[in-house]
């Protein structure tokens, strides 16, 4: 029985890959390159009004309240001091930080 040349080539290529990778399939990256890029955190103790308003759920009124309530020891103080609701905090908590001097 004759096999098409393409199938033979694929078979040989597969054997070559096994020899190169020691019998294992080559590993693919666990995360896409775009997902590995770092997120820039907004420091609620130093951020400008423009930077704060770029956060989801933070408008002019909440921005003014955040700035007025500074400094914060921890980012969750935004909820404890009733500056923003818990639902808004849950949306932005991975995007903010409260750095100390």
Protein backbone atom coordinates (compact mmCIF):
# COMPACT_ATOMS: atom_id res chain seq x y z
CA UNK A 1 0.00 0.00 0.00
CA UNK A 2 1.42 3.37 -1.01
CA UNK A 3 1.29 6.27 1.41
CA UNK A 4 1.21 9.85 0.22
CA UNK A 5 4.49 11.69 0.50
CA UNK A 6 2.89 14.30 2.81
CA UNK A 7 2.01 11.66 5.42
CA UNK A 8 5.52 10.27 5.33
CA UNK A 9 6.98 13.75 5.77
CA UNK A 10 4.67 14.42 8.75
CA UNK A 11 5.71 11.11 10.32
CA UNK A 12 9.43 11.87 9.93
CA UNK A 13 8.93 15.40 11.24
CA UNK A 14 7.10 14.01 14.27
CA UNK A 15 9.96 11.61 15.00
CA UNK A 16 12.43 14.48 14.72
CA UNK A 17 10.43 16.52 17.22
CA UNK A 18 10.40 13.58 19.64
CA UNK A 19 14.17 13.22 19.33
CA UNK A 20 14.73 16.95 19.89
CA UNK A 21 12.41 17.26 22.90
CA UNK A 22 13.43 13.98 24.53
CA UNK A 23 10.16 12.17 23.89
CA UNK A 24 8.05 15.03 25.25
CA UNK A 25 5.79 17.41 23.43
CA UNK A 26 7.16 20.95 23.32
CA UNK A 27 5.61 23.08 26.05
CA UNK A 28 3.54 26.05 25.10
CA UNK A 29 3.54 29.14 27.31
CA UNK A 30 0.97 28.87 30.09
CA UNK A 31 -0.21 32.44 29.62
CA UNK A 32 -0.40 34.60 26.53
CA UNK A 33 2.32 37.22 26.29
CA UNK A 34 -0.20 40.07 26.65
CA UNK A 35 -1.52 38.59 29.90
CA UNK A 36 1.97 38.48 31.38
CA UNK A 37 2.48 42.23 31.16
CA UNK A 38 2.44 44.06 34.45
CA UNK A 39 -0.51 46.12 35.57
CA UNK A 40 0.32 49.63 36.71
CA UNK A 41 -1.22 50.24 40.14
CA UNK A 42 -2.79 53.57 41.03
CA UNK A 43 -1.53 54.83 44.40
CA UNK A 44 -4.58 56.27 46.14
CA UNK A 45 -2.32 58.36 48.39
CA UNK A 46 -0.56 60.16 45.52
CA UNK A 47 -2.60 59.75 42.32
CA UNK A 48 -3.89 62.78 40.48
CA UNK A 49 -7.61 63.38 40.04
CA UNK A 50 -7.28 62.33 36.40
CA UNK A 51 -5.63 59.02 37.36
CA UNK A 52 -8.31 58.28 39.96
CA UNK A 53 -11.15 59.10 37.58
CA UNK A 54 -9.74 56.60 35.07
CA UNK A 55 -10.77 53.83 37.48
CA UNK A 56 -14.14 52.16 36.88
CA UNK A 57 -16.85 53.65 39.09
CA UNK A 58 -14.78 56.62 40.23
CA UNK A 59 -16.11 59.96 39.07
CA UNK A 60 -15.54 63.54 40.14
CA UNK A 61 -17.35 63.27 43.51
CA UNK A 62 -15.60 60.07 44.58
CA UNK A 63 -12.25 61.39 43.37
CA UNK A 64 -12.65 64.48 45.56
CA UNK A 65 -13.60 62.29 48.53
CA UNK A 66 -10.57 60.02 47.99
CA UNK A 67 -8.21 62.98 47.85
CA UNK A 68 -9.81 64.62 50.91
CA UNK A 69 -9.52 61.39 52.94
CA UNK A 70 -5.77 60.97 52.41
CA UNK A 71 -3.56 59.42 53.68
CA UNK A 72 -4.67 55.80 53.71
CA UNK A 73 -2.77 53.06 55.52
CA UNK A 74 -4.53 50.36 53.48
CA UNK A 75 -6.55 50.48 50.29
CA UNK A 76 -9.60 48.86 51.92
CA UNK A 77 -10.00 52.00 54.03
CA UNK A 78 -11.87 53.44 51.05
CA UNK A 79 -14.76 51.15 52.01
CA UNK A 80 -14.26 51.34 55.78
CA UNK A 81 -14.42 55.15 55.68
CA UNK A 82 -17.46 54.92 53.35
CA UNK A 83 -15.73 56.82 50.56
CA UNK A 84 -16.71 54.23 47.95
CA UNK A 85 -19.18 51.33 48.11
CA UNK A 86 -17.92 47.76 48.43
CA UNK A 87 -19.13 46.91 44.91
CA UNK A 88 -16.95 49.65 43.39
CA UNK A 89 -14.00 48.60 45.56
CA UNK A 90 -14.35 45.00 44.36
CA UNK A 91 -14.07 46.26 40.75
CA UNK A 92 -10.87 48.28 41.36
CA UNK A 93 -9.07 46.58 44.26
CA UNK A 94 -6.59 44.86 41.93
CA UNK A 95 -5.76 48.18 40.27
CA UNK A 96 -5.02 50.30 43.37
CA UNK A 97 -2.46 50.43 46.15
CA UNK A 98 -1.96 52.60 49.24
CA UNK A 99 1.78 53.20 49.47
CA UNK A 100 3.25 54.77 52.58
CA UNK A 101 5.86 57.53 52.38
